[in-house]
Amino acid sequence: IASLPGREAEFRDSVVEALRYAEALDCPRVHAMAGVLAPDA
């Protein structure tokens, strides 16, 4: 959802959740998937 307009609040929540897991698992990196555009964009 990283590139999806209108989903910014959800994305920010997802960052918080991912970093919570990253710290618990001592994981140094996380990948932010961009999202899919409509075919007629």
Full PDB file with SEQRES, HELIX, SHEET, SSBOND, CRYST1, ORIGX, SCALE, CONECT and MASTER records, all heavy atoms in Angstrom:
SEQRES   1 A   41  ILE ALA SER LEU PRO GLY ARG GLU ALA GLU PHE ARG ASP          
SEQRES   2 A   41  SER VAL VAL GLU ALA LEU ARG TYR ALA GLU ALA LEU ASP          
SEQRES   3 A   41  CYS PRO ARG VAL HIS ALA MET ALA GLY VAL LEU ALA PRO          
SEQRES   4 A   41  ASP ALA                                                      
HELIX    1 AA1 GLU A    8  LEU A   25  1                                  18    
CRYST1    1.000    1.000    1.000  90.00  90.00  90.00 P 1           1          
ORIGX1      1.000000  0.000000  0.000000        0.00000                         
ORIGX2      0.000000  1.000000  0.000000        0.00000                         
ORIGX3      0.000000  0.000000  1.000000        0.00000                         
SCALE1      1.000000  0.000000  0.000000        0.00000                         
SCALE2      0.000000  1.000000  0.000000        0.00000                         
SCALE3      0.000000  0.000000  1.000000        0.00000                         
ATOM      1  N   ILE A   1       0.814  -1.210   0.000  1.00  0.00           N  
ATOM      2  CA  ILE A   1       0.000   0.000   0.000  1.00  0.00           C  
ATOM      3  C   ILE A   1       0.853   1.268   0.000  1.00  0.00           C  
ATOM      4  O   ILE A   1       0.314   2.372   0.098  1.00  0.00           O  
ATOM      5  CB  ILE A   1      -0.960   0.018   1.207  1.00  0.00           C  
ATOM      6  CG1 ILE A   1      -0.175  -0.060   2.534  1.00  0.00           C  
ATOM      7  CG2 ILE A   1      -1.971  -1.110   1.099  1.00  0.00           C  
ATOM      8  CD1 ILE A   1      -1.059   0.087   3.771  1.00  0.00           C  
ATOM      9  N   ALA A   2       2.156   1.141  -0.157  1.00  0.00           N  
ATOM     10  CA  ALA A   2       3.032   2.299   0.002  1.00  0.00           C  
ATOM     11  C   ALA A   2       2.771   3.394  -1.019  1.00  0.00           C  
ATOM     12  O   ALA A   2       3.018   4.570  -0.745  1.00  0.00           O  
ATOM     13  CB  ALA A   2       4.501   1.868  -0.058  1.00  0.00           C  
ATOM     14  N   SER A   3       2.284   3.049  -2.198  1.00  0.00           N  
ATOM     15  CA  SER A   3       2.044   4.071  -3.225  1.00  0.00           C  
ATOM     16  C   SER A   3       0.565   4.398  -3.404  1.00  0.00           C  
ATOM     17  O   SER A   3       0.217   5.123  -4.343  1.00  0.00           O  
ATOM     18  CB  SER A   3       2.620   3.616  -4.578  1.00  0.00           C  
ATOM     19  OG  SER A   3       1.755   2.686  -5.216  1.00  0.00           O  
ATOM     20  N   LEU A   4      -0.301   3.894  -2.538  1.00  0.00           N  
ATOM     21  CA  LEU A   4      -1.744   4.038  -2.763  1.00  0.00           C  
ATOM     22  C   LEU A   4      -2.285   5.299  -2.100  1.00  0.00           C  
ATOM     23  O   LEU A   4      -2.355   5.395  -0.870  1.00  0.00           O  
ATOM     24  CB  LEU A   4      -2.489   2.818  -2.228  1.00  0.00           C  
ATOM     25  CG  LEU A   4      -2.070   1.448  -2.779  1.00  0.00           C  
ATOM     26  CD1 LEU A   4      -3.040   0.369  -2.302  1.00  0.00           C  
ATOM     27  CD2 LEU A   4      -1.967   1.453  -4.299  1.00  0.00           C  
ATOM     28  N   PRO A   5      -2.692   6.297  -2.891  1.00  0.00           N  
ATOM     29  CA  PRO A   5      -3.284   7.509  -2.314  1.00  0.00           C  
ATOM     30  C   PRO A   5      -4.519   7.165  -1.484  1.00  0.00           C  
ATOM     31  O   PRO A   5      -5.317   6.297  -1.842  1.00  0.00           O  
ATOM     32  CB  PRO A   5      -3.655   8.343  -3.546  1.00  0.00           C  
ATOM     33  CG  PRO A   5      -2.744   7.852  -4.631  1.00  0.00           C  
ATOM     34  CD  PRO A   5      -2.580   6.385  -4.365  1.00  0.00           C  
ATOM     35  N   GLY A   6      -4.654   7.847  -0.354  1.00  0.00           N  
ATOM     36  CA  GLY A   6      -5.787   7.619   0.525  1.00  0.00           C  
ATOM     37  C   GLY A   6      -5.559   6.568   1.579  1.00  0.00           C  
ATOM     38  O   GLY A   6      -6.403   6.389   2.474  1.00  0.00           O  
ATOM     39  N   ARG A   7      -4.427   5.868   1.502  1.00  0.00           N  
ATOM     40  CA  ARG A   7      -4.135   4.803   2.467  1.00  0.00           C  
ATOM     41  C   ARG A   7      -2.961   5.185   3.386  1.00  0.00           C  
ATOM     42  O   ARG A   7      -2.347   4.323   3.997  1.00  0.00           O  
ATOM     43  CB  ARG A   7      -3.816   3.506   1.718  1.00  0.00           C  
ATOM     44  CG  ARG A   7      -4.865   3.049   0.714  1.00  0.00           C  
ATOM     45  CD  ARG A   7      -6.060   2.397   1.387  1.00  0.00           C  
ATOM     46  NE  ARG A   7      -5.719   1.092   1.927  1.00  0.00           N  
ATOM     47  CZ  ARG A   7      -5.728  -0.049   1.219  1.00  0.00           C  
ATOM     48  NH1 ARG A   7      -6.041  -0.031  -0.072  1.00  0.00           N  
ATOM     49  NH2 ARG A   7      -5.439  -1.197   1.798  1.00  0.00           N  
ATOM     50  N   GLU A   8      -2.659   6.466   3.463  1.00  0.00           N  
ATOM     51  CA  GLU A   8      -1.473   6.908   4.193  1.00  0.00           C  
ATOM     52  C   GLU A   8      -1.523   6.529   5.677  1.00  0.00           C  
ATOM     53  O   GLU A   8      -0.514   6.100   6.247  1.00  0.00           O  
ATOM     54  CB  GLU A   8      -1.278   8.417   4.038  1.00  0.00           C  
ATOM     55  CG  GLU A   8      -0.869   8.845   2.645  1.00  0.00           C  
ATOM     56  CD  GLU A   8      -2.052   9.072   1.705  1.00  0.00           C  
ATOM     57  OE1 GLU A   8      -3.206   8.745   2.096  1.00  0.00           O  
ATOM     58  OE2 GLU A   8      -1.832   9.587   0.588  1.00  0.00           O  
ATOM     59  N   ALA A   9      -2.657   6.697   6.314  1.00  0.00           N  
ATOM     60  CA  ALA A   9      -2.757   6.374   7.739  1.00  0.00           C  
ATOM     61  C   ALA A   9      -2.535   4.884   7.963  1.00  0.00           C  
ATOM     62  O   ALA A   9      -1.832   4.479   8.902  1.00  0.00           O  
ATOM     63  CB  ALA A   9      -4.113   6.815   8.289  1.00  0.00           C  
ATOM     64  N   GLU A  10      -3.113   4.070   7.091  1.00  0.00           N  
ATOM     65  CA  GLU A  10      -2.918   2.619   7.194  1.00  0.00           C  
ATOM     66  C   GLU A  10      -1.452   2.268   6.977  1.00  0.00           C  
ATOM     67  O   GLU A  10      -0.896   1.397   7.664  1.00  0.00           O  
ATOM     68  CB  GLU A  10      -3.792   1.912   6.166  1.00  0.00           C  
ATOM     69  CG  GLU A  10      -3.718   0.403   6.215  1.00  0.00           C  
ATOM     70  CD  GLU A  10      -4.571  -0.263   5.145  1.00  0.00           C  
ATOM     71  OE1 GLU A  10      -5.366   0.430   4.487  1.00  0.00           O  
ATOM     72  OE2 GLU A  10      -4.426  -1.495   4.973  1.00  0.00           O  
ATOM     73  N   PHE A  11      -0.810   2.941   6.028  1.00  0.00           N  
ATOM     74  CA  PHE A  11       0.606   2.672   5.799  1.00  0.00           C  
ATOM     75  C   PHE A  11       1.427   3.019   7.033  1.00  0.00           C  
ATOM     76  O   PHE A  11       2.317   2.254   7.436  1.00  0.00           O  
ATOM     77  CB  PHE A  11       1.118   3.450   4.588  1.00  0.00           C  
ATOM     78  CG  PHE A  11       2.581   3.228   4.341  1.00  0.00           C  
ATOM     79  CD1 PHE A  11       3.023   2.077   3.710  1.00  0.00           C  
ATOM     80  CD2 PHE A  11       3.521   4.157   4.769  1.00  0.00           C  
ATOM     81  CE1 PHE A  11       4.377   1.844   3.509  1.00  0.00           C  
ATOM     82  CE2 PHE A  11       4.874   3.937   4.571  1.00  0.00           C  
ATOM     83  CZ  PHE A  11       5.303   2.781   3.942  1.00  0.00           C  
ATOM     84  N   ARG A  12       1.164   4.139   7.647  1.00  0.00           N  
ATOM     85  CA  ARG A  12       1.934   4.523   8.830  1.00  0.00           C  
ATOM     86  C   ARG A  12       1.755   3.505   9.948  1.00  0.00           C  
ATOM     87  O   ARG A  12       2.718   3.151  10.635  1.00  0.00           O  
ATOM     88  CB  ARG A  12       1.535   5.934   9.272  1.00  0.00           C  
ATOM     89  CG  ARG A  12       1.992   7.011   8.291  1.00  0.00           C  
ATOM     90  CD  ARG A  12       1.649   8.412   8.751  1.00  0.00           C  
ATOM     91  NE  ARG A  12       2.197   9.380   7.802  1.00  0.00           N  
ATOM     92  CZ  ARG A  12       2.793  10.522   8.131  1.00  0.00           C  
ATOM     93  NH1 ARG A  12       2.914  10.839   9.416  1.00  0.00           N  
ATOM     94  NH2 ARG A  12       3.267  11.319   7.218  1.00  0.00           N  
ATOM     95  N   ASP A  13       0.529   3.018  10.114  1.00  0.00           N  
ATOM     96  CA  ASP A  13       0.300   1.966  11.108  1.00  0.00           C  
ATOM     97  C   ASP A  13       1.087   0.705  10.762  1.00  0.00           C  
ATOM     98  O   ASP A  13       1.610   0.021  11.647  1.00  0.00           O  
ATOM     99  CB  ASP A  13      -1.187   1.635  11.197  1.00  0.00           C  
ATOM    100  CG  ASP A  13      -2.004   2.737  11.861  1.00  0.00           C  
ATOM    101  OD1 ASP A  13      -1.408   3.619  12.517  1.00  0.00           O  
ATOM    102  OD2 ASP A  13      -3.249   2.721  11.714  1.00  0.00           O  
ATOM    103  N   SER A  14       1.172   0.400   9.468  1.00  0.00           N  
ATOM    104  CA  SER A  14       1.896  -0.798   9.051  1.00  0.00           C  
ATOM    105  C   SER A  14       3.391  -0.669   9.325  1.00  0.00           C  
ATOM    106  O   SER A  14       4.064  -1.664   9.634  1.00  0.00           O  
ATOM    107  CB  SER A  14       1.642  -1.093   7.561  1.00  0.00           C  
ATOM    108  OG  SER A  14       2.445  -0.281   6.709  1.00  0.00           O  
ATOM    109  N   VAL A  15       3.920   0.542   9.209  1.00  0.00           N  
ATOM    110  CA  VAL A  15       5.332   0.774   9.530  1.00  0.00           C  
ATOM    111  C   VAL A  15       5.579   0.509  11.008  1.00  0.00           C  
ATOM    112  O   VAL A  15       6.547  -0.178  11.389  1.00  0.00           O  
ATOM    113  CB  VAL A  15       5.740   2.210   9.156  1.00  0.00           C  
ATOM    114  CG1 VAL A  15       7.131   2.532   9.689  1.00  0.00           C  
ATOM    115  CG2 VAL A  15       5.692   2.395   7.644  1.00  0.00           C  
ATOM    116  N   VAL A  16       4.710   1.025  11.849  1.00  0.00           N  
ATOM    117  CA  VAL A  16       4.845   0.823  13.292  1.00  0.00           C  
ATOM    118  C   VAL A  16       4.811  -0.665  13.633  1.00  0.00           C  
ATOM    119  O   VAL A  16       5.621  -1.166  14.417  1.00  0.00           O  
ATOM    120  CB  VAL A  16       3.744   1.588  14.048  1.00  0.00           C  
ATOM    121  CG1 VAL A  16       3.746   1.228  15.531  1.00  0.00           C  
ATOM    122  CG2 VAL A  16       3.917   3.086  13.857  1.00  0.00           C  
ATOM    123  N   GLU A  17       3.863  -1.385  13.023  1.00  0.00           N  
ATOM    124  CA  GLU A  17       3.740  -2.820  13.301  1.00  0.00           C  
ATOM    125  C   GLU A  17       4.968  -3.591  12.815  1.00  0.00           C  
ATOM    126  O   GLU A  17       5.505  -4.454  13.516  1.00  0.00           O  
ATOM    127  CB  GLU A  17       2.473  -3.371  12.641  1.00  0.00           C  
ATOM    128  CG  GLU A  17       2.235  -4.858  12.837  1.00  0.00           C  
ATOM    129  CD  GLU A  17       1.812  -5.219  14.257  1.00  0.00           C  
ATOM    130  OE1 GLU A  17       1.977  -4.400  15.179  1.00  0.00           O  
ATOM    131  OE2 GLU A  17       1.327  -6.347  14.430  1.00  0.00           O  
ATOM    132  N   ALA A  18       5.441  -3.288  11.617  1.00  0.00           N  
ATOM    133  CA  ALA A  18       6.614  -3.979  11.086  1.00  0.00           C  
ATOM    134  C   ALA A  18       7.844  -3.722  11.939  1.00  0.00           C  
ATOM    135  O   ALA A  18       8.629  -4.646  12.215  1.00  0.00           O  
ATOM    136  CB  ALA A  18       6.862  -3.548   9.642  1.00  0.00           C  
ATOM    137  N   LEU A  19       8.025  -2.497  12.381  1.00  0.00           N  
ATOM    138  CA  LEU A  19       9.199  -2.190  13.192  1.00  0.00           C  
ATOM    139  C   LEU A  19       9.106  -2.830  14.580  1.00  0.00           C  
ATOM    140  O   LEU A  19      10.132  -3.184  15.175  1.00  0.00           O  
ATOM    141  CB  LEU A  19       9.383  -0.684  13.301  1.00  0.00           C  
ATOM    142  CG  LEU A  19       9.777   0.014  11.990  1.00  0.00           C  
ATOM    143  CD1 LEU A  19       9.849   1.522  12.186  1.00  0.00           C  
ATOM    144  CD2 LEU A  19      11.103  -0.527  11.451  1.00  0.00           C  
ATOM    145  N   ARG A  20       7.902  -2.999  15.072  1.00  0.00           N  
ATOM    146  CA  ARG A  20       7.734  -3.733  16.335  1.00  0.00           C  
ATOM    147  C   ARG A  20       8.240  -5.162  16.189  1.00  0.00           C  
ATOM    148  O   ARG A  20       8.984  -5.670  17.041  1.00  0.00           O  
ATOM    149  CB  ARG A  20       6.257  -3.721  16.752  1.00  0.00           C  
ATOM    150  CG  ARG A  20       5.986  -4.431  18.067  1.00  0.00           C  
ATOM    151  CD  ARG A  20       4.531  -4.246  18.480  1.00  0.00           C  
ATOM    152  NE  ARG A  20       3.620  -5.064  17.708  1.00  0.00           N  
ATOM    153  CZ  ARG A  20       3.254  -6.319  18.059  1.00  0.00           C  
ATOM    154  NH1 ARG A  20       3.770  -6.899  19.129  1.00  0.00           N  
ATOM    155  NH2 ARG A  20       2.389  -6.982  17.310  1.00  0.00           N  
ATOM    156  N   TYR A  21       7.885  -5.806  15.098  1.00  0.00           N  
ATOM    157  CA  TYR A  21       8.374  -7.161  14.847  1.00  0.00           C  
ATOM    158  C   TYR A  21       9.873  -7.149  14.581  1.00  0.00           C  
ATOM    159  O   TYR A  21      10.605  -8.037  15.042  1.00  0.00           O  
ATOM    160  CB  TYR A  21       7.639  -7.777  13.654  1.00  0.00           C  
ATOM    161  CG  TYR A  21       6.386  -8.520  14.026  1.00  0.00           C  
ATOM    162  CD1 TYR A  21       5.186  -7.853  14.256  1.00  0.00           C  
ATOM    163  CD2 TYR A  21       6.383  -9.909  14.148  1.00  0.00           C  
ATOM    164  CE1 TYR A  21       4.030  -8.534  14.590  1.00  0.00           C  
ATOM    165  CE2 TYR A  21       5.238 -10.611  14.484  1.00  0.00           C  
ATOM    166  CZ  TYR A  21       4.055  -9.914  14.703  1.00  0.00           C  
ATOM    167  OH  TYR A  21       2.920 -10.603  15.044  1.00  0.00           O  
ATOM    168  N   ALA A  22      10.356  -6.176  13.819  1.00  0.00           N  
ATOM    169  CA  ALA A  22      11.777  -6.127  13.495  1.00  0.00           C  
ATOM    170  C   ALA A  22      12.627  -6.024  14.754  1.00  0.00           C  
ATOM    171  O   ALA A  22      13.680  -6.684  14.876  1.00  0.00           O  
ATOM    172  CB  ALA A  22      12.066  -4.961  12.560  1.00  0.00           C  
ATOM    173  N   GLU A  23      12.188  -5.206  15.696  1.00  0.00           N  
ATOM    174  CA  GLU A  23      12.946  -5.090  16.938  1.00  0.00           C  
ATOM    175  C   GLU A  23      12.887  -6.379  17.745  1.00  0.00           C  
ATOM    176  O   GLU A  23      13.903  -6.826  18.293  1.00  0.00           O  
ATOM    177  CB  GLU A  23      12.413  -3.917  17.752  1.00  0.00           C  
ATOM    178  CG  GLU A  23      12.730  -2.557  17.136  1.00  0.00           C  
ATOM    179  CD  GLU A  23      12.535  -1.423  18.110  1.00  0.00           C  
ATOM    180  OE1 GLU A  23      13.386  -1.271  19.003  1.00  0.00           O  
ATOM    181  OE2 GLU A  23      11.537  -0.703  17.966  1.00  0.00           O  
ATOM    182  N   ALA A  24      11.718  -7.006  17.805  1.00  0.00           N  
ATOM    183  CA  ALA A  24      11.586  -8.245  18.572  1.00  0.00           C  
ATOM    184  C   ALA A  24      12.423  -9.371  17.983  1.00  0.00           C  
ATOM    185  O   ALA A  24      12.935 -10.234  18.713  1.00  0.00           O  
ATOM    186  CB  ALA A  24      10.111  -8.657  18.627  1.00  0.00           C  
ATOM    187  N   LEU A  25      12.573  -9.376  16.651  1.00  0.00           N  
ATOM    188  CA  LEU A  25      13.292 -10.452  15.970  1.00  0.00           C  
ATOM    189  C   LEU A  25      14.722 -10.062  15.611  1.00  0.00           C  
ATOM    190  O   LEU A  25      15.421 -10.840  14.957  1.00  0.00           O  
ATOM    191  CB  LEU A  25      12.532 -10.853  14.703  1.00  0.00           C  
ATOM    192  CG  LEU A  25      11.081 -11.304  14.905  1.00  0.00           C  
ATOM    193  CD1 LEU A  25      10.428 -11.613  13.571  1.00  0.00           C  
ATOM    194  CD2 LEU A  25      11.006 -12.494  15.843  1.00  0.00           C  
ATOM    195  N   ASP A  26      15.149  -8.880  16.014  1.00  0.00           N  
ATOM    196  CA  ASP A  26      16.478  -8.355  15.680  1.00  0.00           C  
ATOM    197  C   ASP A  26      16.716  -8.417  14.177  1.00  0.00           C  
ATOM    198  O   ASP A  26      17.777  -8.813  13.698  1.00  0.00           O  
ATOM    199  CB  ASP A  26      17.575  -9.126  16.431  1.00  0.00           C  
ATOM    200  CG  ASP A  26      18.910  -8.383  16.407  1.00  0.00           C  
ATOM    201  OD1 ASP A  26      18.898  -7.160  16.226  1.00  0.00           O  
ATOM    202  OD2 ASP A  26      19.955  -9.050  16.558  1.00  0.00           O  
ATOM    203  N   CYS A  27      15.695  -8.027  13.424  1.00  0.00           N  
ATOM    204  CA  CYS A  27      15.759  -8.045  11.956  1.00  0.00           C  
ATOM    205  C   CYS A  27      16.187  -6.665  11.480  1.00  0.00           C  
ATOM    206  O   CYS A  27      15.527  -5.665  11.793  1.00  0.00           O  
ATOM    207  CB  CYS A  27      14.394  -8.408  11.370  1.00  0.00           C  
ATOM    208  SG  CYS A  27      14.366  -8.515   9.566  1.00  0.00           S  
ATOM    209  N   PRO A  28      17.262  -6.569  10.707  1.00  0.00           N  
ATOM    210  CA  PRO A  28      17.817  -5.256  10.368  1.00  0.00           C  
ATOM    211  C   PRO A  28      17.107  -4.505   9.258  1.00  0.00           C  
ATOM    212  O   PRO A  28      17.369  -3.320   9.058  1.00  0.00           O  
ATOM    213  CB  PRO A  28      19.250  -5.589   9.937  1.00  0.00           C  
ATOM    214  CG  PRO A  28      19.166  -6.985   9.411  1.00  0.00           C  
ATOM    215  CD  PRO A  28      18.134  -7.675  10.253  1.00  0.00           C  
ATOM    216  N   ARG A  29      16.210  -5.186   8.515  1.00  0.00           N  
ATOM    217  CA  ARG A  29      15.608  -4.522   7.359  1.00  0.00           C  
ATOM    218  C   ARG A  29      14.204  -5.051   7.089  1.00  0.00           C  
ATOM    219  O   ARG A  29      13.899  -6.223   7.367  1.00  0.00           O  
ATOM    220  CB  ARG A  29      16.481  -4.708   6.116  1.00  0.00           C  
ATOM    221  CG  ARG A  29      16.673  -6.142   5.694  1.00  0.00           C  
ATOM    222  CD  ARG A  29      17.771  -6.324   4.664  1.00  0.00           C  
ATOM    223  NE  ARG A  29      19.077  -5.947   5.192  1.00  0.00           N  
ATOM    224  CZ  ARG A  29      19.819  -6.767   5.954  1.00  0.00           C  
ATOM    225  NH1 ARG A  29      19.383  -7.974   6.272  1.00  0.00           N  
ATOM    226  NH2 ARG A  29      20.996  -6.367   6.397  1.00  0.00           N  
ATOM    227  N   VAL A  30      13.360  -4.175   6.547  1.00  0.00           N  
ATOM    228  CA  VAL A  30      11.998  -4.544   6.160  1.00  0.00           C  
ATOM    229  C   VAL A  30      11.750  -3.995   4.764  1.00  0.00           C  
ATOM    230  O   VAL A  30      12.322  -2.976   4.366  1.00  0.00           O  
ATOM    231  CB  VAL A  30      10.946  -4.010   7.153  1.00  0.00           C  
ATOM    232  CG1 VAL A  30      11.080  -4.683   8.503  1.00  0.00           C  
ATOM    233  CG2 VAL A  30      11.038  -2.482   7.296  1.00  0.00           C  
ATOM    234  N   HIS A  31      10.888  -4.675   4.035  1.00  0.00           N  
ATOM    235  CA  HIS A  31      10.579  -4.294   2.658  1.00  0.00           C  
ATOM    236  C   HIS A  31       9.175  -3.699   2.600  1.00  0.00           C  
ATOM    237  O   HIS A  31       8.208  -4.320   3.064  1.00  0.00           O  
ATOM    238  CB  HIS A  31      10.668  -5.540   1.753  1.00  0.00           C  
ATOM    239  CG  HIS A  31      10.125  -5.336   0.375  1.00  0.00           C  
ATOM    240  ND1 HIS A  31       9.415  -6.313  -0.287  1.00  0.00           N  
ATOM    241  CD2 HIS A  31      10.164  -4.273  -0.466  1.00  0.00           C  
ATOM    242  CE1 HIS A  31       9.053  -5.861  -1.482  1.00  0.00           C  
ATOM    243  NE2 HIS A  31       9.493  -4.630  -1.610  1.00  0.00           N  
ATOM    244  N   ALA A  32       9.064  -2.525   2.003  1.00  0.00           N  
ATOM    245  CA  ALA A  32       7.772  -1.860   1.823  1.00  0.00           C  
ATOM    246  C   ALA A  32       7.280  -2.093   0.401  1.00  0.00           C  
ATOM    247  O   ALA A  32       7.794  -1.498  -0.545  1.00  0.00           O  
ATOM    248  CB  ALA A  32       7.898  -0.365   2.103  1.00  0.00           C  
ATOM    249  N   MET A  33       6.272  -2.942   0.235  1.00  0.00           N  
ATOM    250  CA  MET A  33       5.727  -3.208  -1.085  1.00  0.00           C  
ATOM    251  C   MET A  33       4.933  -2.001  -1.580  1.00  0.00           C  
ATOM    252  O   MET A  33       4.193  -1.360  -0.834  1.00  0.00           O  
ATOM    253  CB  MET A  33       4.845  -4.452  -1.065  1.00  0.00           C  
ATOM    254  CG  MET A  33       5.600  -5.734  -0.729  1.00  0.00           C  
ATOM    255  SD  MET A  33       4.576  -7.223  -0.934  1.00  0.00           S  
ATOM    256  CE  MET A  33       4.524  -7.333  -2.737  1.00  0.00           C  
ATOM    257  N   ALA A  34       5.086  -1.708  -2.873  1.00  0.00           N  
ATOM    258  CA  ALA A  34       4.556  -0.460  -3.427  1.00  0.00           C  
ATOM    259  C   ALA A  34       3.059  -0.497  -3.668  1.00  0.00           C  
ATOM    260  O   ALA A  34       2.364   0.503  -3.469  1.00  0.00           O  
ATOM    261  CB  ALA A  34       5.273  -0.143  -4.743  1.00  0.00           C  
ATOM    262  N   GLY A  35       2.553  -1.627  -4.141  1.00  0.00           N  
ATOM    263  CA  GLY A  35       1.144  -1.710  -4.488  1.00  0.00           C  
ATOM    264  C   GLY A  35       0.924  -1.771  -5.998  1.00  0.00           C  
ATOM    265  O   GLY A  35       1.833  -1.551  -6.794  1.00  0.00           O  
ATOM    266  N   VAL A  36      -0.311  -2.050  -6.373  1.00  0.00           N  
ATOM    267  CA  VAL A  36      -0.697  -2.286  -7.764  1.00  0.00           C  
ATOM    268  C   VAL A  36      -1.570  -1.146  -8.268  1.00  0.00           C  
ATOM    269  O   VAL A  36      -2.474  -0.681  -7.570  1.00  0.00           O  
ATOM    270  CB  VAL A  36      -1.443  -3.628  -7.878  1.00  0.00           C  
ATOM    271  CG1 VAL A  36      -1.951  -3.852  -9.294  1.00  0.00           C  
ATOM    272  CG2 VAL A  36      -0.534  -4.779  -7.454  1.00  0.00           C  
ATOM    273  N   LEU A  37      -1.302  -0.706  -9.494  1.00  0.00           N  
ATOM    274  CA  LEU A  37      -2.119   0.306 -10.164  1.00  0.00           C  
ATOM    275  C   LEU A  37      -3.187  -0.368 -11.019  1.00  0.00           C  
ATOM    276  O   LEU A  37      -3.001  -1.488 -11.496  1.00  0.00           O  
ATOM    277  CB  LEU A  37      -1.261   1.184 -11.073  1.00  0.00           C  
ATOM    278  CG  LEU A  37      -0.519   2.355 -10.459  1.00  0.00           C  
ATOM    279  CD1 LEU A  37       0.627   1.874  -9.600  1.00  0.00           C  
ATOM    280  CD2 LEU A  37      -0.010   3.292 -11.542  1.00  0.00           C  
ATOM    281  N   ALA A  38      -4.276   0.340 -11.237  1.00  0.00           N  
ATOM    282  CA  ALA A  38      -5.294  -0.140 -12.165  1.00  0.00           C  
ATOM    283  C   ALA A  38      -4.717  -0.161 -13.581  1.00  0.00           C  
ATOM    284  O   ALA A  38      -3.874   0.669 -13.931  1.00  0.00           O  
ATOM    285  CB  ALA A  38      -6.513   0.770 -12.125  1.00  0.00           C  
ATOM    286  N   PRO A  39      -5.155  -1.105 -14.417  1.00  0.00           N  
ATOM    287  CA  PRO A  39      -4.610  -1.208 -15.780  1.00  0.00           C  
ATOM    288  C   PRO A  39      -4.783   0.066 -16.605  1.00  0.00           C  
ATOM    289  O   PRO A  39      -3.978   0.333 -17.499  1.00  0.00           O  
ATOM    290  CB  PRO A  39      -5.411  -2.369 -16.383  1.00  0.00           C  
ATOM    291  CG  PRO A  39      -5.913  -3.151 -15.220  1.00  0.00           C  
ATOM    292  CD  PRO A  39      -6.130  -2.164 -14.115  1.00  0.00           C  
ATOM    293  N   ASP A  40      -5.807   0.841 -16.319  1.00  0.00           N  
ATOM    294  CA  ASP A  40      -6.076   2.044 -17.107  1.00  0.00           C  
ATOM    295  C   ASP A  40      -5.561   3.318 -16.430  1.00  0.00           C  
ATOM    296  O   ASP A  40      -6.005   4.421 -16.753  1.00  0.00           O  
ATOM    297  CB  ASP A  40      -7.571   2.178 -17.378  1.00  0.00           C  
ATOM    298  CG  ASP A  40      -8.402   2.240 -16.097  1.00  0.00           C  
ATOM    299  OD1 ASP A  40      -7.839   2.003 -15.003  1.00  0.00           O  
ATOM    300  OD2 ASP A  40      -9.621   2.513 -16.193  1.00  0.00           O  
ATOM    301  N   ALA A  41      -4.631   3.184 -15.506  1.00  0.00           N  
ATOM    302  CA  ALA A  41      -4.116   4.348 -14.783  1.00  0.00           C  
ATOM    303  C   ALA A  41      -3.508   5.359 -15.754  1.00  0.00           C  
ATOM    304  O   ALA A  41      -2.653   5.010 -16.575  1.00  0.00           O  
ATOM    305  CB  ALA A  41      -3.084   3.914 -13.758  1.00  0.00           C  
TER     306      ALA A  41                                                      
MASTER        0    0    0    1    0    0    0    6  305    1    0    4          
END                                                                             
